[in-house]
PDB file of all heavy atoms in Angstrom:
ATOM      1  N   ARG A   1     111.931  85.620  93.712  1.00  0.00           N
ATOM      2  CA  ARG A   1     113.128  85.663  92.906  1.00  0.00           C
ATOM      3  C   ARG A   1     113.839  87.050  93.054  1.00  0.00           C
ATOM      4  O   ARG A   1     115.004  87.150  93.214  1.00  0.00           O
ATOM      5  CB  ARG A   1     112.720  85.365  91.445  1.00  0.00           C
ATOM      6  CG  ARG A   1     113.966  85.463  90.531  1.00  0.00           C
ATOM      7  CD  ARG A   1     115.086  84.446  90.916  1.00  0.00           C
ATOM      8  NE  ARG A   1     116.194  84.562  90.154  1.00  0.00           N
ATOM      9  CZ  ARG A   1     117.475  84.093  90.438  1.00  0.00           C
ATOM     10  NH1 ARG A   1     117.597  83.577  91.731  1.00  0.00           N
ATOM     11  NH2 ARG A   1     118.373  84.207  89.638  1.00  0.00           N
ATOM     12  N   LYS A   2     112.917  88.128  92.888  1.00  0.00           N
ATOM     13  CA  LYS A   2     113.534  89.441  93.041  1.00  0.00           C
ATOM     14  C   LYS A   2     113.998  89.689  94.482  1.00  0.00           C
ATOM     15  O   LYS A   2     115.059  90.302  94.732  1.00  0.00           O
ATOM     16  CB  LYS A   2     112.388  90.475  92.674  1.00  0.00           C
ATOM     17  CG  LYS A   2     112.111  90.497  91.347  1.00  0.00           C
ATOM     18  CD  LYS A   2     111.037  91.589  91.001  1.00  0.00           C
ATOM     19  CE  LYS A   2     110.596  91.641  89.485  1.00  0.00           C
ATOM     20  NZ  LYS A   2     109.674  92.713  89.229  1.00  0.00           N
ATOM     21  N   ALA A   3     113.255  89.199  95.485  1.00  0.00           N
ATOM     22  CA  ALA A   3     113.721  89.318  96.865  1.00  0.00           C
ATOM     23  C   ALA A   3     115.041  88.663  97.172  1.00  0.00           C
ATOM     24  O   ALA A   3     115.863  89.192  97.783  1.00  0.00           O
ATOM     25  CB  ALA A   3     112.687  88.849  97.789  1.00  0.00           C
ATOM     26  N   ALA A   4     115.191  87.495  96.517  1.00  0.00           N
ATOM     27  CA  ALA A   4     116.426  86.686  96.688  1.00  0.00           C
ATOM     28  C   ALA A   4     117.634  87.532  96.031  1.00  0.00           C
ATOM     29  O   ALA A   4     118.723  87.598  96.713  1.00  0.00           O
ATOM     30  CB  ALA A   4     116.369  85.291  96.052  1.00  0.00           C
ATOM     31  N   LYS A   5     117.438  87.976  94.868  1.00  0.00           N
ATOM     32  CA  LYS A   5     118.557  88.693  94.156  1.00  0.00           C
ATOM     33  C   LYS A   5     118.906  89.874  95.022  1.00  0.00           C
ATOM     34  O   LYS A   5     120.130  90.255  95.146  1.00  0.00           O
ATOM     35  CB  LYS A   5     118.117  89.150  92.787  1.00  0.00           C
ATOM     36  CG  LYS A   5     118.102  88.063  91.819  1.00  0.00           C
ATOM     37  CD  LYS A   5     117.721  88.571  90.429  1.00  0.00           C
ATOM     38  CE  LYS A   5     118.703  89.507  89.862  1.00  0.00           C
ATOM     39  NZ  LYS A   5     120.138  88.849  89.677  1.00  0.00           N
ATOM     40  N   LEU A   6     117.905  90.622  95.500  1.00  0.00           N
ATOM     41  CA  LEU A   6     118.176  91.904  96.402  1.00  0.00           C
ATOM     42  C   LEU A   6     118.943  91.494  97.656  1.00  0.00           C
ATOM     43  O   LEU A   6     119.942  92.173  98.121  1.00  0.00           O
ATOM     44  CB  LEU A   6     116.898  92.536  96.689  1.00  0.00           C
ATOM     45  CG  LEU A   6     117.090  93.929  97.530  1.00  0.00           C
ATOM     46  CD1 LEU A   6     117.947  94.863  96.794  1.00  0.00           C
ATOM     47  CD2 LEU A   6     115.662  94.503  97.720  1.00  0.00           C
ATOM     48  N   LEU A   7     118.536  90.332  98.273  1.00  0.00           N
ATOM     49  CA  LEU A   7     119.147  89.924  99.502  1.00  0.00           C
ATOM     50  C   LEU A   7     120.659  89.573  99.281  1.00  0.00           C
ATOM     51  O   LEU A   7     121.572  89.911 100.108  1.00  0.00           O
ATOM     52  CB  LEU A   7     118.402  88.811 100.206  1.00  0.00           C
ATOM     53  CG  LEU A   7     119.020  88.255 101.468  1.00  0.00           C
ATOM     54  CD1 LEU A   7     118.977  89.444 102.448  1.00  0.00           C
ATOM     55  CD2 LEU A   7     118.088  87.180 102.058  1.00  0.00           C
ATOM     56  N   VAL A   8     120.820  88.905  98.186  1.00  0.00           N
ATOM     57  CA  VAL A   8     122.227  88.434  97.786  1.00  0.00           C
ATOM     58  C   VAL A   8     123.142  89.613  97.574  1.00  0.00           C
ATOM     59  O   VAL A   8     124.261  89.681  97.996  1.00  0.00           O
ATOM     60  CB  VAL A   8     122.245  87.494  96.616  1.00  0.00           C
ATOM     61  CG1 VAL A   8     123.673  87.287  96.116  1.00  0.00           C
ATOM     62  CG2 VAL A   8     121.602  86.147  97.033  1.00  0.00           C
ATOM     63  N   SER A   9     122.557  90.635  96.925  1.00  0.00           N
ATOM     64  CA  SER A   9     123.324  91.854  96.545  1.00  0.00           C
ATOM     65  C   SER A   9     123.707  92.584  97.938  1.00  0.00           C
ATOM     66  O   SER A   9     124.731  93.167  97.985  1.00  0.00           O
ATOM     67  CB  SER A   9     122.536  92.716  95.650  1.00  0.00           C
ATOM     68  OG  SER A   9     121.406  93.287  96.365  1.00  0.00           O
ATOM     69  N   LEU A  10     122.772  92.590  98.929  1.00  0.00           N
ATOM     70  CA  LEU A  10     123.093  93.161 100.231  1.00  0.00           C
ATOM     71  C   LEU A  10     124.174  92.427 100.986  1.00  0.00           C
ATOM     72  O   LEU A  10     125.043  93.036 101.579  1.00  0.00           O
ATOM     73  CB  LEU A  10     121.813  93.256 101.101  1.00  0.00           C
ATOM     74  CG  LEU A  10     120.794  94.195 100.677  1.00  0.00           C
ATOM     75  CD1 LEU A  10     119.539  94.089 101.656  1.00  0.00           C
ATOM     76  CD2 LEU A  10     121.234  95.602 100.725  1.00  0.00           C
ATOM     77  N   ILE A  11     124.136  91.089 100.789  1.00  0.00           N
ATOM     78  CA  ILE A  11     125.124  90.274 101.458  1.00  0.00           C
ATOM     79  C   ILE A  11     126.558  90.463 100.800  1.00  0.00           C
ATOM     80  O   ILE A  11     127.530  90.553 101.476  1.00  0.00           O
ATOM     81  CB  ILE A  11     124.795  88.747 101.445  1.00  0.00           C
ATOM     82  CG1 ILE A  11     123.432  88.502 102.339  1.00  0.00           C
ATOM     83  CG2 ILE A  11     125.867  87.893 101.872  1.00  0.00           C
ATOM     84  CD1 ILE A  11     122.900  87.148 102.222  1.00  0.00           C
ATOM     85  N   THR A  12     126.570  90.489  99.521  1.00  0.00           N
ATOM     86  CA  THR A  12     127.905  90.604  98.877  1.00  0.00           C
ATOM     87  C   THR A  12     128.366  92.048  98.818  1.00  0.00           C
ATOM     88  O   THR A  12     129.644  92.212  98.499  1.00  0.00           O
ATOM     89  CB  THR A  12     127.721  90.069  97.478  1.00  0.00           C
ATOM     90  OG1 THR A  12     126.711  90.798  96.724  1.00  0.00           O
ATOM     91  CG2 THR A  12     127.364  88.649  97.336  1.00  0.00           C
ATOM     92  N   SER A  13     127.536  93.030  99.095  1.00  0.00           N
ATOM     93  CA  SER A  13     127.992  94.459  99.029  1.00  0.00           C
ATOM     94  C   SER A  13     128.894  94.739 100.218  1.00  0.00           C
ATOM     95  O   SER A  13     129.575  95.772 100.160  1.00  0.00           O
ATOM     96  CB  SER A  13     126.790  95.349  98.956  1.00  0.00           C
ATOM     97  OG  SER A  13     126.118  95.301 100.279  1.00  0.00           O
ATOM     98  N   LYS A  14     128.851  94.002 101.255  1.00  0.00           N
ATOM     99  CA  LYS A  14     129.683  94.222 102.413  1.00  0.00           C
ATOM    100  C   LYS A  14     129.303  95.599 103.135  1.00  0.00           C
ATOM    101  O   LYS A  14     130.181  96.141 103.631  1.00  0.00           O
ATOM    102  CB  LYS A  14     131.097  94.152 102.154  1.00  0.00           C
ATOM    103  CG  LYS A  14     131.579  92.751 101.600  1.00  0.00           C
ATOM    104  CD  LYS A  14     133.049  92.731 101.223  1.00  0.00           C
ATOM    105  CE  LYS A  14     133.398  91.456 100.714  1.00  0.00           C
ATOM    106  NZ  LYS A  14     134.940  91.355 100.300  1.00  0.00           N
ATOM    107  N   LEU A  15     128.079  96.045 102.911  1.00  0.00           N
ATOM    108  CA  LEU A  15     127.718  97.296 103.593  1.00  0.00           C
ATOM    109  C   LEU A  15     127.186  97.094 105.014  1.00  0.00           C
ATOM    110  O   LEU A  15     127.097  97.991 105.823  1.00  0.00           O
ATOM    111  CB  LEU A  15     126.511  97.951 102.800  1.00  0.00           C
ATOM    112  CG  LEU A  15     126.846  98.499 101.508  1.00  0.00           C
ATOM    113  CD1 LEU A  15     125.495  98.971 100.796  1.00  0.00           C
ATOM    114  CD2 LEU A  15     127.844  99.717 101.631  1.00  0.00           C
ATOM    115  N   SER A  16     126.930  95.810 105.355  1.00  0.00           N
ATOM    116  CA  SER A  16     126.285  95.554 106.687  1.00  0.00           C
ATOM    117  C   SER A  16     127.230  95.645 107.753  1.00  0.00           C
ATOM    118  O   SER A  16     128.399  95.200 107.736  1.00  0.00           O
ATOM    119  CB  SER A  16     125.708  94.132 106.600  1.00  0.00           C
ATOM    120  OG  SER A  16     125.253  93.764 107.993  1.00  0.00           O
ATOM    121  N   PRO A  17     126.874  96.280 108.967  1.00  0.00           N
ATOM    122  CA  PRO A  17     127.709  96.178 110.090  1.00  0.00           C
ATOM    123  C   PRO A  17     127.786  94.820 110.642  1.00  0.00           C
ATOM    124  O   PRO A  17     126.934  93.966 110.372  1.00  0.00           O
ATOM    125  CB  PRO A  17     127.011  97.221 110.965  1.00  0.00           C
ATOM    126  CG  PRO A  17     125.600  97.262 110.608  1.00  0.00           C
ATOM    127  CD  PRO A  17     125.593  97.047 109.109  1.00  0.00           C
ATOM    128  N   ASP A  18     128.698  94.604 111.545  1.00  0.00           N
ATOM    129  CA  ASP A  18     128.881  93.244 112.150  1.00  0.00           C
ATOM    130  C   ASP A  18     127.657  92.678 112.878  1.00  0.00           C
ATOM    131  O   ASP A  18     127.406  91.503 112.784  1.00  0.00           O
ATOM    132  CB  ASP A  18     130.071  93.254 113.065  1.00  0.00           C
ATOM    133  CG  ASP A  18     131.445  93.471 112.259  1.00  0.00           C
ATOM    134  OD1 ASP A  18     131.420  93.326 111.074  1.00  0.00           O
ATOM    135  OD2 ASP A  18     132.366  93.926 113.001  1.00  0.00           O
ATOM    136  N   PHE A  19     127.010  93.566 113.575  1.00  0.00           N
ATOM    137  CA  PHE A  19     125.898  93.150 114.342  1.00  0.00           C
ATOM    138  C   PHE A  19     124.678  92.599 113.508  1.00  0.00           C
ATOM    139  O   PHE A  19     123.760  91.933 114.008  1.00  0.00           O
ATOM    140  CB  PHE A  19     125.406  94.169 115.328  1.00  0.00           C
ATOM    141  CG  PHE A  19     124.766  95.350 114.653  1.00  0.00           C
ATOM    142  CD1 PHE A  19     123.420  95.287 114.295  1.00  0.00           C
ATOM    143  CD2 PHE A  19     125.506  96.576 114.420  1.00  0.00           C
ATOM    144  CE1 PHE A  19     122.733  96.533 113.724  1.00  0.00           C
ATOM    145  CE2 PHE A  19     124.831  97.544 113.755  1.00  0.00           C
ATOM    146  CZ  PHE A  19     123.488  97.572 113.447  1.00  0.00           C
ATOM    147  N   PHE A  20     124.723  93.020 112.147  1.00  0.00           N
ATOM    148  CA  PHE A  20     123.548  92.631 111.316  1.00  0.00           C
ATOM    149  C   PHE A  20     123.743  91.521 110.392  1.00  0.00           C
ATOM    150  O   PHE A  20     122.870  91.023 109.714  1.00  0.00           O
ATOM    151  CB  PHE A  20     123.198  93.925 110.484  1.00  0.00           C
ATOM    152  CG  PHE A  20     121.822  93.914 109.993  1.00  0.00           C
ATOM    153  CD1 PHE A  20     120.711  93.859 110.741  1.00  0.00           C
ATOM    154  CD2 PHE A  20     121.689  94.002 108.532  1.00  0.00           C
ATOM    155  CE1 PHE A  20     119.453  93.895 110.212  1.00  0.00           C
ATOM    156  CE2 PHE A  20     120.348  94.009 107.960  1.00  0.00           C
ATOM    157  CZ  PHE A  20     119.299  93.988 108.868  1.00  0.00           C
ATOM    158  N   TRP A  21     125.043  90.970 110.388  1.00  0.00           N
ATOM    159  CA  TRP A  21     125.279  89.840 109.551  1.00  0.00           C
ATOM    160  C   TRP A  21     124.455  88.566 109.903  1.00  0.00           C
ATOM    161  O   TRP A  21     123.970  87.828 109.012  1.00  0.00           O
ATOM    162  CB  TRP A  21     126.871  89.316 109.627  1.00  0.00           C
ATOM    163  CG  TRP A  21     127.627  90.219 108.676  1.00  0.00           C
ATOM    164  CD1 TRP A  21     128.551  91.206 109.043  1.00  0.00           C
ATOM    165  CD2 TRP A  21     127.643  90.083 107.315  1.00  0.00           C
ATOM    166  NE1 TRP A  21     129.072  91.703 107.916  1.00  0.00           N
ATOM    167  CE2 TRP A  21     128.506  91.079 106.694  1.00  0.00           C
ATOM    168  CE3 TRP A  21     127.002  89.309 106.336  1.00  0.00           C
ATOM    169  CZ2 TRP A  21     128.776  91.199 105.477  1.00  0.00           C
ATOM    170  CZ3 TRP A  21     127.171  89.460 104.975  1.00  0.00           C
ATOM    171  CH2 TRP A  21     128.092  90.423 104.578  1.00  0.00           C
ATOM    172  N   GLU A  22     124.165  88.385 111.099  1.00  0.00           N
ATOM    173  CA  GLU A  22     123.501  87.186 111.524  1.00  0.00           C
ATOM    174  C   GLU A  22     121.988  87.364 110.962  1.00  0.00           C
ATOM    175  O   GLU A  22     121.414  86.316 110.444  1.00  0.00           O
ATOM    176  CB  GLU A  22     123.361  87.131 112.977  1.00  0.00           C
ATOM    177  CG  GLU A  22     122.486  85.892 113.548  1.00  0.00           C
ATOM    178  CD  GLU A  22     122.382  85.841 115.098  1.00  0.00           C
ATOM    179  OE1 GLU A  22     123.172  86.632 115.625  1.00  0.00           O
ATOM    180  OE2 GLU A  22     121.706  85.043 115.548  1.00  0.00           O
ATOM    181  N   THR A  23     121.396  88.449 110.992  1.00  0.00           N
ATOM    182  CA  THR A  23     120.092  88.833 110.532  1.00  0.00           C
ATOM    183  C   THR A  23     119.990  88.540 108.917  1.00  0.00           C
ATOM    184  O   THR A  23     119.032  87.877 108.501  1.00  0.00           O
ATOM    185  CB  THR A  23     119.549  90.118 110.885  1.00  0.00           C
ATOM    186  OG1 THR A  23     119.624  90.307 112.202  1.00  0.00           O
ATOM    187  CG2 THR A  23     118.207  90.435 110.343  1.00  0.00           C
ATOM    188  N   LEU A  24     120.969  89.110 108.255  1.00  0.00           N
ATOM    189  CA  LEU A  24     121.031  88.922 106.831  1.00  0.00           C
ATOM    190  C   LEU A  24     121.113  87.399 106.387  1.00  0.00           C
ATOM    191  O   LEU A  24     120.489  86.996 105.462  1.00  0.00           O
ATOM    192  CB  LEU A  24     122.185  89.699 106.210  1.00  0.00           C
ATOM    193  CG  LEU A  24     121.950  91.187 106.072  1.00  0.00           C
ATOM    194  CD1 LEU A  24     123.181  91.905 105.496  1.00  0.00           C
ATOM    195  CD2 LEU A  24     120.758  91.499 105.203  1.00  0.00           C
ATOM    196  N   LEU A  25     122.103  86.789 107.106  1.00  0.00           N
ATOM    197  CA  LEU A  25     122.287  85.321 106.644  1.00  0.00           C
ATOM    198  C   LEU A  25     121.048  84.472 107.048  1.00  0.00           C
ATOM    199  O   LEU A  25     120.658  83.559 106.141  1.00  0.00           O
ATOM    200  CB  LEU A  25     123.490  84.799 107.414  1.00  0.00           C
ATOM    201  CG  LEU A  25     124.894  85.373 106.930  1.00  0.00           C
ATOM    202  CD1 LEU A  25     125.991  84.982 107.824  1.00  0.00           C
ATOM    203  CD2 LEU A  25     125.131  85.044 105.475  1.00  0.00           C
ATOM    204  N   LEU A  26     120.422  84.730 108.180  1.00  0.00           N
ATOM    205  CA  LEU A  26     119.257  83.872 108.542  1.00  0.00           C
ATOM    206  C   LEU A  26     118.070  84.234 107.571  1.00  0.00           C
ATOM    207  O   LEU A  26     117.254  83.340 107.401  1.00  0.00           O
ATOM    208  CB  LEU A  26     118.911  84.125 109.952  1.00  0.00           C
ATOM    209  CG  LEU A  26     119.850  83.553 110.932  1.00  0.00           C
ATOM    210  CD1 LEU A  26     119.405  83.938 112.349  1.00  0.00           C
ATOM    211  CD2 LEU A  26     119.961  81.993 110.797  1.00  0.00           C
ATOM    212  N   ASP A  27     118.035  85.478 107.015  1.00  0.00           N
ATOM    213  CA  ASP A  27     116.829  85.803 106.164  1.00  0.00           C
ATOM    214  C   ASP A  27     116.961  84.990 104.820  1.00  0.00           C
ATOM    215  O   ASP A  27     115.972  84.895 104.034  1.00  0.00           O
ATOM    216  CB  ASP A  27     116.942  87.391 105.724  1.00  0.00           C
ATOM    217  CG  ASP A  27     116.422  88.141 106.799  1.00  0.00           C
ATOM    218  OD1 ASP A  27     115.522  87.608 107.634  1.00  0.00           O
ATOM    219  OD2 ASP A  27     116.754  89.290 106.947  1.00  0.00           O
ATOM    220  N   THR A  28     118.112  84.388 104.553  1.00  0.00           N
ATOM    221  CA  THR A  28     118.217  83.455 103.317  1.00  0.00           C
ATOM    222  C   THR A  28     117.482  82.124 103.602  1.00  0.00           C
ATOM    223  O   THR A  28     117.130  81.506 102.499  1.00  0.00           O
ATOM    224  CB  THR A  28     119.687  83.224 102.927  1.00  0.00           C
ATOM    225  OG1 THR A  28     120.365  82.464 103.983  1.00  0.00           O
ATOM    226  CG2 THR A  28     120.389  84.568 102.632  1.00  0.00           C
ATOM    227  N   LEU A  29     117.352  81.726 104.733  1.00  0.00           N
ATOM    228  CA  LEU A  29     116.668  80.384 105.072  1.00  0.00           C
ATOM    229  C   LEU A  29     115.345  80.177 104.380  1.00  0.00           C
ATOM    230  O   LEU A  29     115.142  79.185 103.669  1.00  0.00           O
ATOM    231  CB  LEU A  29     116.584  80.147 106.523  1.00  0.00           C
ATOM    232  CG  LEU A  29     117.858  79.614 107.269  1.00  0.00           C
ATOM    233  CD1 LEU A  29     117.685  79.518 108.774  1.00  0.00           C
ATOM    234  CD2 LEU A  29     118.174  78.254 106.687  1.00  0.00           C
ATOM    235  N   PRO A  30     114.399  81.131 104.559  1.00  0.00           N
ATOM    236  CA  PRO A  30     113.158  80.820 103.843  1.00  0.00           C
ATOM    237  C   PRO A  30     113.239  80.845 102.294  1.00  0.00           C
ATOM    238  O   PRO A  30     112.452  80.102 101.765  1.00  0.00           O
ATOM    239  CB  PRO A  30     112.141  82.020 104.370  1.00  0.00           C
ATOM    240  CG  PRO A  30     113.135  82.992 104.917  1.00  0.00           C
ATOM    241  CD  PRO A  30     114.365  82.258 105.419  1.00  0.00           C
ATOM    242  N   LEU A  31     114.143  81.546 101.771  1.00  0.00           N
ATOM    243  CA  LEU A  31     114.330  81.530 100.329  1.00  0.00           C
ATOM    244  C   LEU A  31     115.026  80.297  99.900  1.00  0.00           C
ATOM    245  O   LEU A  31     114.805  79.861  98.619  1.00  0.00           O
ATOM    246  CB  LEU A  31     115.167  82.767  99.880  1.00  0.00           C
ATOM    247  CG  LEU A  31     114.563  84.176 100.207  1.00  0.00           C
ATOM    248  CD1 LEU A  31     115.562  85.276  99.890  1.00  0.00           C
ATOM    249  CD2 LEU A  31     113.295  84.391  99.420  1.00  0.00           C
ATOM    250  N   LEU A  32     115.753  79.698 100.695  1.00  0.00           N
ATOM    251  CA  LEU A  32     116.329  78.343 100.409  1.00  0.00           C
ATOM    252  C   LEU A  32     115.474  77.304 100.440  1.00  0.00           C
ATOM    253  O   LEU A  32     115.646  76.118  99.917  1.00  0.00           O
ATOM    254  CB  LEU A  32     117.608  78.151 101.324  1.00  0.00           C
ATOM    255  CG  LEU A  32     118.844  79.034 101.166  1.00  0.00           C
ATOM    256  CD1 LEU A  32     119.817  78.817 102.213  1.00  0.00           C
ATOM    257  CD2 LEU A  32     119.467  78.932  99.743  1.00  0.00           C
ATOM    258  N   GLU A  33     114.291  77.425 101.134  1.00  0.00           N
ATOM    259  CA  GLU A  33     113.363  76.375 101.437  1.00  0.00           C
ATOM    260  C   GLU A  33     112.099  76.590 100.563  1.00  0.00           C
ATOM    261  O   GLU A  33     111.108  75.862 100.856  1.00  0.00           O
ATOM    262  CB  GLU A  33     112.996  76.319 102.941  1.00  0.00           C
ATOM    263  CG  GLU A  33     114.081  76.103 103.835  1.00  0.00           C
ATOM    264  CD  GLU A  33     114.723  74.694 103.571  1.00  0.00           C
ATOM    265  OE1 GLU A  33     113.912  73.805 103.119  1.00  0.00           O
ATOM    266  OE2 GLU A  33     115.864  74.417 104.017  1.00  0.00           O
ATOM    267  N   THR A  34     112.029  77.416  99.609  1.00  0.00           N
ATOM    268  CA  THR A  34     110.811  77.624  98.782  1.00  0.00           C
ATOM    269  C   THR A  34     110.573  76.406  97.930  1.00  0.00           C
ATOM    270  O   THR A  34     111.563  75.531  97.723  1.00  0.00           O
ATOM    271  CB  THR A  34     111.109  78.916  97.777  1.00  0.00           C
ATOM    272  OG1 THR A  34     112.276  78.616  97.082  1.00  0.00           O
ATOM    273  CG2 THR A  34     111.150  80.149  98.662  1.00  0.00           C
ATOM    274  N   GLU A  35     109.363  76.176  97.493  1.00  0.00           N
ATOM    275  CA  GLU A  35     109.013  74.977  96.777  1.00  0.00           C
ATOM    276  C   GLU A  35     109.782  74.925  95.478  1.00  0.00           C
ATOM    277  O   GLU A  35     110.272  73.814  95.135  1.00  0.00           O
ATOM    278  CB  GLU A  35     107.483  75.101  96.498  1.00  0.00           C
ATOM    279  CG  GLU A  35     106.955  73.804  95.779  1.00  0.00           C
ATOM    280  CD  GLU A  35     105.533  73.923  95.593  1.00  0.00           C
ATOM    281  OE1 GLU A  35     104.807  74.707  96.245  1.00  0.00           O
ATOM    282  OE2 GLU A  35     104.978  73.045  94.777  1.00  0.00           O
ATOM    283  N   THR A  36     109.945  76.118  94.791  1.00  0.00           N
ATOM    284  CA  THR A  36     110.808  76.061  93.613  1.00  0.00           C
ATOM    285  C   THR A  36     112.124  76.915  94.054  1.00  0.00           C
ATOM    286  O   THR A  36     111.946  77.976  94.501  1.00  0.00           O
ATOM    287  CB  THR A  36     110.015  76.865  92.373  1.00  0.00           C
ATOM    288  OG1 THR A  36     108.880  76.112  92.204  1.00  0.00           O
ATOM    289  CG2 THR A  36     110.906  76.840  91.161  1.00  0.00           C
ATOM    290  N   PRO A  37     113.236  76.473  93.688  1.00  0.00           N
ATOM    291  CA  PRO A  37     114.399  77.177  94.023  1.00  0.00           C
ATOM    292  C   PRO A  37     114.441  78.710  93.386  1.00  0.00           C
ATOM    293  O   PRO A  37     114.134  78.789  92.182  1.00  0.00           O
ATOM    294  CB  PRO A  37     115.608  76.304  93.418  1.00  0.00           C
ATOM    295  CG  PRO A  37     114.915  74.964  93.367  1.00  0.00           C
ATOM    296  CD  PRO A  37     113.472  75.088  93.027  1.00  0.00           C
ATOM    297  N   VAL A  38     114.804  79.627  94.193  1.00  0.00           N
ATOM    298  CA  VAL A  38     114.910  81.036  93.605  1.00  0.00           C
ATOM    299  C   VAL A  38     116.329  81.523  93.739  1.00  0.00           C
ATOM    300  O   VAL A  38     116.575  82.616  93.193  1.00  0.00           O
ATOM    301  CB  VAL A  38     114.035  81.958  94.391  1.00  0.00           C
ATOM    302  CG1 VAL A  38     112.566  81.501  94.187  1.00  0.00           C
ATOM    303  CG2 VAL A  38     114.393  81.906  95.935  1.00  0.00           C
ATOM    304  N   LEU A  39     117.253  80.713  94.302  1.00  0.00           N
ATOM    305  CA  LEU A  39     118.665  81.132  94.437  1.00  0.00           C
ATOM    306  C   LEU A  39     119.427  80.246  93.473  1.00  0.00           C
ATOM    307  O   LEU A  39     119.356  78.996  93.506  1.00  0.00           O
ATOM    308  CB  LEU A  39     119.136  80.983  95.810  1.00  0.00           C
ATOM    309  CG  LEU A  39     118.593  82.074  96.818  1.00  0.00           C
ATOM    310  CD1 LEU A  39     118.995  81.685  98.278  1.00  0.00           C
ATOM    311  CD2 LEU A  39     119.303  83.410  96.386  1.00  0.00           C
ATOM    312  N   SER A  40     120.267  80.832  92.566  1.00  0.00           N
ATOM    313  CA  SER A  40     121.044  80.023  91.680  1.00  0.00           C
ATOM    314  C   SER A  40     122.288  79.469  92.379  1.00  0.00           C
ATOM    315  O   SER A  40     122.517  79.779  93.569  1.00  0.00           O
ATOM    316  CB  SER A  40     121.472  80.980  90.521  1.00  0.00           C
ATOM    317  OG  SER A  40     122.393  81.973  91.029  1.00  0.00           O
ATOM    318  N   ALA A  41     123.019  78.719  91.640  1.00  0.00           N
ATOM    319  CA  ALA A  41     124.203  78.069  92.205  1.00  0.00           C
ATOM    320  C   ALA A  41     125.281  79.189  92.610  1.00  0.00           C
ATOM    321  O   ALA A  41     125.830  79.008  93.757  1.00  0.00           O
ATOM    322  CB  ALA A  41     124.731  76.995  91.291  1.00  0.00           C
ATOM    323  N   ASP A  42     125.435  80.076  91.787  1.00  0.00           N
ATOM    324  CA  ASP A  42     126.454  81.056  92.040  1.00  0.00           C
ATOM    325  C   ASP A  42     126.051  81.897  93.186  1.00  0.00           C
ATOM    326  O   ASP A  42     126.890  82.238  94.118  1.00  0.00           O
ATOM    327  CB  ASP A  42     126.609  82.055  90.824  1.00  0.00           C
ATOM    328  CG  ASP A  42     127.386  81.283  89.664  1.00  0.00           C
ATOM    329  OD1 ASP A  42     127.960  80.157  89.951  1.00  0.00           O
ATOM    330  OD2 ASP A  42     127.303  81.722  88.513  1.00  0.00           O
ATOM    331  N   GLU A  43     124.719  82.204  93.320  1.00  0.00           N
ATOM    332  CA  GLU A  43     124.276  83.009  94.522  1.00  0.00           C
ATOM    333  C   GLU A  43     124.387  82.173  95.770  1.00  0.00           C
ATOM    334  O   GLU A  43     124.716  82.694  96.842  1.00  0.00           O
ATOM    335  CB  GLU A  43     122.761  83.476  94.312  1.00  0.00           C
ATOM    336  CG  GLU A  43     122.674  84.446  93.151  1.00  0.00           C
ATOM    337  CD  GLU A  43     121.125  84.669  92.740  1.00  0.00           C
ATOM    338  OE1 GLU A  43     120.362  83.781  93.035  1.00  0.00           O
ATOM    339  OE2 GLU A  43     120.821  85.788  92.213  1.00  0.00           O
ATOM    340  N   THR A  44     124.185  80.895  95.686  1.00  0.00           N
ATOM    341  CA  THR A  44     124.323  80.058  96.819  1.00  0.00           C
ATOM    342  C   THR A  44     125.790  79.968  97.255  1.00  0.00           C
ATOM    343  O   THR A  44     126.059  79.988  98.476  1.00  0.00           O
ATOM    344  CB  THR A  44     123.856  78.602  96.480  1.00  0.00           C
ATOM    345  OG1 THR A  44     122.518  78.666  95.976  1.00  0.00           O
ATOM    346  CG2 THR A  44     123.866  77.772  97.717  1.00  0.00           C
ATOM    347  N   TYR A  45     126.784  79.936  96.280  1.00  0.00           N
ATOM    348  CA  TYR A  45     128.157  79.953  96.649  1.00  0.00           C
ATOM    349  C   TYR A  45     128.519  81.255  97.346  1.00  0.00           C
ATOM    350  O   TYR A  45     129.439  81.255  98.238  1.00  0.00           O
ATOM    351  CB  TYR A  45     128.998  79.633  95.402  1.00  0.00           C
ATOM    352  CG  TYR A  45     128.988  78.232  94.891  1.00  0.00           C
ATOM    353  CD1 TYR A  45     128.678  77.898  93.603  1.00  0.00           C
ATOM    354  CD2 TYR A  45     129.373  77.240  95.814  1.00  0.00           C
ATOM    355  CE1 TYR A  45     128.687  76.608  93.214  1.00  0.00           C
ATOM    356  CE2 TYR A  45     129.504  75.918  95.363  1.00  0.00           C
ATOM    357  CZ  TYR A  45     129.141  75.619  94.046  1.00  0.00           C
ATOM    358  OH  TYR A  45     129.058  74.339  93.702  1.00  0.00           O
TER     359      TYR A  45
END
């Protein structure tokens, strides 16, 4: 849950350079596939 919130904050902060967006977005996949959801609807949007 904490990891998901931190990752979303990095994605929405727009600090990432262009070459790193792919890595950040793909890092959400294992969090989206957890047994119990850890990302809220707003974070998913």
